[in-house]
Amino acid sequence: MCSLTVGGPADAYSSIGAYGPLAPILYPIHHGILGFVGFDVVEPFVVHAPARMSEEARTACLADYRRRMLSLASAPLLPRLDIAAYEGLVLKAGAAAR
């Protein structure tokens, strides 16, 4: 599981945000590094704009992180890369990427 903080608010990392969605940014790490060596990859834990959070919000994020870490065995997994859909590491014609 990747755990990260980002400087901007959640909206900035959306499909209409200035930075775009985080999933494509993390894709090479999730599939090209962690998935490649056989790890099950858990959905990332992201905290947005922690430097601008109140102490209460920061405490809540830390509690959320603790819960996530204690429940990793049942945490949602990202789908594995279906390597059969690729030929020479290029998506086959008519195949759907995940």
N, C-alpha and C. Protein backbone atom coordinates (compact mmCIF):
# COMPACT_ATOMS: atom_id res chain seq x y z
N MET A 1 0.84 -1.18 0.00
CA MET A 1 0.00 0.00 0.00
C MET A 1 0.89 1.24 0.00
N CYS A 2 0.58 2.11 -0.91
CA CYS A 2 1.25 3.41 -0.89
C CYS A 2 0.50 4.32 0.07
N SER A 3 1.23 4.98 0.93
CA SER A 3 0.67 5.98 1.83
C SER A 3 1.34 7.29 1.48
N LEU A 4 0.55 8.32 1.20
CA LEU A 4 1.16 9.56 0.79
C LEU A 4 0.35 10.76 1.21
N THR A 5 1.03 11.88 1.26
CA THR A 5 0.38 13.16 1.45
C THR A 5 0.62 13.98 0.20
N VAL A 6 -0.35 14.81 -0.12
CA VAL A 6 -0.22 15.72 -1.26
C VAL A 6 -0.58 17.11 -0.78
N GLY A 7 -0.02 18.11 -1.41
CA GLY A 7 -0.17 19.47 -0.93
C GLY A 7 -1.51 20.10 -1.19
N GLY A 8 -2.20 19.66 -2.24
CA GLY A 8 -3.45 20.31 -2.61
C GLY A 8 -4.67 19.59 -2.07
N PRO A 9 -5.83 20.23 -2.19
CA PRO A 9 -7.09 19.62 -1.77
C PRO A 9 -7.48 18.49 -2.72
N ALA A 10 -8.40 17.65 -2.28
CA ALA A 10 -8.82 16.48 -3.07
C ALA A 10 -9.29 16.89 -4.47
N ASP A 11 -10.02 17.99 -4.59
CA ASP A 11 -10.52 18.42 -5.90
C ASP A 11 -9.40 18.69 -6.90
N ALA A 12 -8.24 19.10 -6.43
CA ALA A 12 -7.12 19.38 -7.33
C ALA A 12 -6.58 18.10 -7.97
N TYR A 13 -6.93 16.95 -7.38
CA TYR A 13 -6.47 15.66 -7.89
C TYR A 13 -7.63 14.86 -8.49
N SER A 14 -8.59 15.57 -9.03
CA SER A 14 -9.74 14.95 -9.68
C SER A 14 -9.57 15.07 -11.20
N SER A 15 -10.52 14.52 -11.93
CA SER A 15 -10.44 14.58 -13.39
C SER A 15 -10.52 16.01 -13.92
N ILE A 16 -11.01 16.93 -13.10
CA ILE A 16 -11.07 18.33 -13.54
C ILE A 16 -10.11 19.22 -12.76
N GLY A 17 -9.31 18.61 -11.90
CA GLY A 17 -8.37 19.38 -11.09
C GLY A 17 -7.08 19.69 -11.82
N ALA A 18 -6.36 20.64 -11.31
CA ALA A 18 -5.11 21.09 -11.93
C ALA A 18 -4.06 19.98 -12.03
N TYR A 19 -4.06 19.05 -11.08
CA TYR A 19 -3.03 18.00 -11.07
C TYR A 19 -3.51 16.68 -11.65
N GLY A 20 -4.80 16.54 -11.86
CA GLY A 20 -5.37 15.32 -12.40
C GLY A 20 -5.43 14.21 -11.35
N PRO A 21 -6.08 13.10 -11.72
CA PRO A 21 -6.26 11.99 -10.78
C PRO A 21 -4.92 11.36 -10.36
N LEU A 22 -4.88 10.87 -9.13
CA LEU A 22 -3.67 10.23 -8.62
C LEU A 22 -3.45 8.83 -9.20
N ALA A 23 -4.53 8.15 -9.59
CA ALA A 23 -4.39 6.77 -10.08
C ALA A 23 -3.38 6.64 -11.22
N PRO A 24 -3.42 7.49 -12.25
CA PRO A 24 -2.43 7.36 -13.31
C PRO A 24 -1.00 7.67 -12.85
N ILE A 25 -0.88 8.54 -11.86
CA ILE A 25 0.45 8.87 -11.33
C ILE A 25 1.02 7.67 -10.58
N LEU A 26 0.16 6.99 -9.83
CA LEU A 26 0.60 5.84 -9.03
C LEU A 26 0.63 4.53 -9.81
N TYR A 27 0.04 4.50 -11.00
CA TYR A 27 -0.04 3.27 -11.79
C TYR A 27 1.32 2.57 -11.96
N PRO A 28 2.38 3.28 -12.35
CA PRO A 28 3.67 2.59 -12.52
C PRO A 28 4.20 1.97 -11.23
N ILE A 29 3.89 2.58 -10.11
CA ILE A 29 4.32 2.03 -8.82
C ILE A 29 3.47 0.81 -8.48
N HIS A 30 2.15 0.97 -8.59
CA HIS A 30 1.26 -0.13 -8.23
C HIS A 30 1.46 -1.36 -9.11
N HIS A 31 1.56 -1.16 -10.42
CA HIS A 31 1.62 -2.31 -11.33
C HIS A 31 3.02 -2.63 -11.81
N GLY A 32 3.83 -1.61 -12.05
CA GLY A 32 5.17 -1.84 -12.59
C GLY A 32 6.20 -2.21 -11.54
N ILE A 33 5.93 -1.92 -10.29
CA ILE A 33 6.88 -2.25 -9.22
C ILE A 33 6.25 -3.27 -8.27
N LEU A 34 5.20 -2.86 -7.55
CA LEU A 34 4.63 -3.74 -6.53
C LEU A 34 3.95 -4.97 -7.14
N GLY A 35 3.08 -4.77 -8.11
CA GLY A 35 2.40 -5.90 -8.76
C GLY A 35 3.36 -6.79 -9.52
N PHE A 36 4.36 -6.21 -10.14
CA PHE A 36 5.33 -6.97 -10.94
C PHE A 36 6.05 -8.01 -10.12
N VAL A 37 6.37 -7.69 -8.87
CA VAL A 37 7.09 -8.64 -8.03
C VAL A 37 6.14 -9.54 -7.23
N GLY A 38 4.83 -9.42 -7.48
CA GLY A 38 3.88 -10.35 -6.90
C GLY A 38 3.11 -9.88 -5.69
N PHE A 39 3.28 -8.63 -5.29
CA PHE A 39 2.53 -8.13 -4.14
C PHE A 39 1.06 -7.94 -4.50
N ASP A 40 0.18 -8.21 -3.54
CA ASP A 40 -1.19 -7.73 -3.64
C ASP A 40 -1.11 -6.24 -3.32
N VAL A 41 -1.75 -5.43 -4.12
CA VAL A 41 -1.65 -3.98 -3.95
C VAL A 41 -2.96 -3.44 -3.39
N VAL A 42 -2.87 -2.86 -2.22
CA VAL A 42 -4.02 -2.28 -1.54
C VAL A 42 -4.23 -0.85 -2.04
N GLU A 43 -5.49 -0.43 -2.07
CA GLU A 43 -5.78 0.94 -2.47
C GLU A 43 -4.93 1.90 -1.64
N PRO A 44 -4.42 2.95 -2.26
CA PRO A 44 -3.53 3.87 -1.53
C PRO A 44 -4.27 4.64 -0.44
N PHE A 45 -3.49 5.07 0.54
CA PHE A 45 -4.01 5.94 1.59
C PHE A 45 -3.44 7.32 1.32
N VAL A 46 -4.32 8.27 1.05
CA VAL A 46 -3.89 9.62 0.66
C VAL A 46 -4.46 10.64 1.64
N VAL A 47 -3.60 11.54 2.08
CA VAL A 47 -4.03 12.67 2.91
C VAL A 47 -3.78 13.93 2.09
N HIS A 48 -4.82 14.71 1.91
CA HIS A 48 -4.74 15.94 1.12
C HIS A 48 -4.48 17.14 2.02
N ALA A 49 -3.51 17.94 1.64
CA ALA A 49 -3.20 19.23 2.27
C ALA A 49 -3.04 19.14 3.80
N PRO A 50 -2.20 18.24 4.29
CA PRO A 50 -2.06 18.13 5.74
C PRO A 50 -1.50 19.39 6.40
N ALA A 51 -0.72 20.17 5.69
CA ALA A 51 -0.13 21.38 6.28
C ALA A 51 -1.19 22.42 6.61
N ARG A 52 -2.35 22.33 5.95
CA ARG A 52 -3.40 23.31 6.18
C ARG A 52 -4.55 22.75 7.02
N MET A 53 -4.35 21.55 7.59
CA MET A 53 -5.40 20.93 8.40
C MET A 53 -5.40 21.48 9.83
N SER A 54 -6.58 21.42 10.41
CA SER A 54 -6.67 21.72 11.84
C SER A 54 -6.09 20.54 12.61
N GLU A 55 -5.80 20.78 13.85
CA GLU A 55 -5.29 19.70 14.70
C GLU A 55 -6.30 18.55 14.79
N GLU A 56 -7.58 18.88 14.84
CA GLU A 56 -8.63 17.86 14.91
C GLU A 56 -8.67 17.02 13.63
N ALA A 57 -8.57 17.68 12.48
CA ALA A 57 -8.58 16.95 11.21
C ALA A 57 -7.35 16.06 11.08
N ARG A 58 -6.21 16.55 11.52
CA ARG A 58 -4.98 15.77 11.47
C ARG A 58 -5.10 14.53 12.37
N THR A 59 -5.66 14.72 13.55
CA THR A 59 -5.88 13.60 14.47
C THR A 59 -6.82 12.57 13.85
N ALA A 60 -7.85 13.03 13.16
CA ALA A 60 -8.79 12.12 12.49
C ALA A 60 -8.10 11.34 11.38
N CYS A 61 -7.24 12.00 10.62
CA CYS A 61 -6.48 11.31 9.56
C CYS A 61 -5.56 10.25 10.14
N LEU A 62 -4.91 10.57 11.24
CA LEU A 62 -4.05 9.59 11.89
C LEU A 62 -4.85 8.40 12.40
N ALA A 63 -6.05 8.64 12.91
CA ALA A 63 -6.91 7.55 13.36
C ALA A 63 -7.35 6.69 12.17
N ASP A 64 -7.67 7.35 11.05
CA ASP A 64 -8.04 6.61 9.83
C ASP A 64 -6.87 5.75 9.35
N TYR A 65 -5.69 6.31 9.40
CA TYR A 65 -4.50 5.57 8.98
C TYR A 65 -4.27 4.36 9.89
N ARG A 66 -4.43 4.56 11.17
CA ARG A 66 -4.28 3.45 12.12
C ARG A 66 -5.29 2.34 11.80
N ARG A 67 -6.56 2.72 11.56
CA ARG A 67 -7.57 1.72 11.21
C ARG A 67 -7.19 0.98 9.94
N ARG A 68 -6.71 1.72 8.95
CA ARG A 68 -6.33 1.09 7.68
C ARG A 68 -5.19 0.09 7.90
N MET A 69 -4.19 0.48 8.65
CA MET A 69 -3.05 -0.40 8.89
C MET A 69 -3.46 -1.65 9.66
N LEU A 70 -4.36 -1.49 10.60
CA LEU A 70 -4.81 -2.64 11.40
C LEU A 70 -5.75 -3.57 10.64
N SER A 71 -6.27 -3.09 9.50
CA SER A 71 -7.19 -3.92 8.72
C SER A 71 -6.66 -4.22 7.32
N LEU A 72 -5.35 -4.21 7.17
CA LEU A 72 -4.77 -4.46 5.84
C LEU A 72 -5.19 -5.80 5.24
N ALA A 73 -5.39 -6.80 6.08
CA ALA A 73 -5.75 -8.12 5.57
C ALA A 73 -7.10 -8.11 4.85
N SER A 74 -7.96 -7.16 5.19
CA SER A 74 -9.27 -7.10 4.53
C SER A 74 -9.45 -5.82 3.71
N ALA A 75 -8.38 -5.08 3.52
CA ALA A 75 -8.46 -3.82 2.76
C ALA A 75 -8.72 -4.11 1.28
N PRO A 76 -9.41 -3.20 0.60
CA PRO A 76 -9.69 -3.40 -0.82
C PRO A 76 -8.40 -3.43 -1.64
N LEU A 77 -8.33 -4.39 -2.55
CA LEU A 77 -7.16 -4.53 -3.42
C LEU A 77 -7.41 -3.88 -4.77
N LEU A 78 -6.36 -3.39 -5.37
CA LEU A 78 -6.44 -2.92 -6.74
C LEU A 78 -6.41 -4.15 -7.64
N PRO A 79 -7.10 -4.10 -8.78
CA PRO A 79 -7.07 -5.26 -9.68
C PRO A 79 -5.65 -5.49 -10.21
N ARG A 80 -5.31 -6.77 -10.35
CA ARG A 80 -4.00 -7.11 -10.92
C ARG A 80 -4.00 -6.82 -12.41
N LEU A 81 -2.83 -6.54 -12.91
CA LEU A 81 -2.65 -6.34 -14.35
C LEU A 81 -2.88 -7.67 -15.04
N ASP A 82 -3.77 -7.73 -16.01
CA ASP A 82 -4.04 -8.96 -16.76
C ASP A 82 -3.04 -9.05 -17.90
N ILE A 83 -1.91 -9.68 -17.61
CA ILE A 83 -0.83 -9.73 -18.59
C ILE A 83 -1.22 -10.50 -19.85
N ALA A 84 -2.25 -11.36 -19.77
CA ALA A 84 -2.72 -12.10 -20.94
C ALA A 84 -3.35 -11.17 -21.96
N ALA A 85 -3.75 -9.96 -21.54
CA ALA A 85 -4.35 -8.99 -22.46
C ALA A 85 -3.29 -8.21 -23.25
N TYR A 86 -2.02 -8.53 -23.00
CA TYR A 86 -0.92 -7.80 -23.62
C TYR A 86 -0.06 -8.74 -24.45
N GLU A 87 0.51 -8.19 -25.48
CA GLU A 87 1.49 -8.92 -26.29
C GLU A 87 2.71 -8.03 -26.42
N GLY A 88 3.84 -8.54 -25.94
CA GLY A 88 5.04 -7.71 -25.94
C GLY A 88 4.85 -6.47 -25.07
N LEU A 89 4.07 -6.60 -24.01
CA LEU A 89 3.75 -5.52 -23.06
C LEU A 89 2.96 -4.38 -23.69
N VAL A 90 2.29 -4.66 -24.82
CA VAL A 90 1.41 -3.70 -25.48
C VAL A 90 0.02 -4.33 -25.52
N LEU A 91 -0.99 -3.56 -25.16
CA LEU A 91 -2.36 -4.06 -25.12
C LEU A 91 -2.76 -4.61 -26.48
N LYS A 92 -3.29 -5.84 -26.48
CA LYS A 92 -3.74 -6.46 -27.72
C LYS A 92 -4.95 -5.71 -28.26
N ALA A 93 -5.09 -5.74 -29.59
CA ALA A 93 -6.25 -5.11 -30.22
C ALA A 93 -7.52 -5.74 -29.68
N GLY A 94 -8.47 -4.92 -29.29
CA GLY A 94 -9.75 -5.41 -28.80
C GLY A 94 -9.75 -5.74 -27.31
N ALA A 95 -8.59 -5.76 -26.67
CA ALA A 95 -8.54 -6.05 -25.23
C ALA A 95 -8.80 -4.77 -24.45
N ALA A 96 -9.34 -4.94 -23.27
CA ALA A 96 -9.62 -3.78 -22.41
C ALA A 96 -8.58 -3.69 -21.32
N ALA A 97 -8.01 -2.52 -21.15
CA ALA A 97 -7.04 -2.29 -20.08
C ALA A 97 -7.79 -2.09 -18.77
N ARG A 98 -7.15 -2.47 -17.67
CA ARG A 98 -7.74 -2.22 -16.34
C ARG A 98 -7.01 -1.12 -15.67
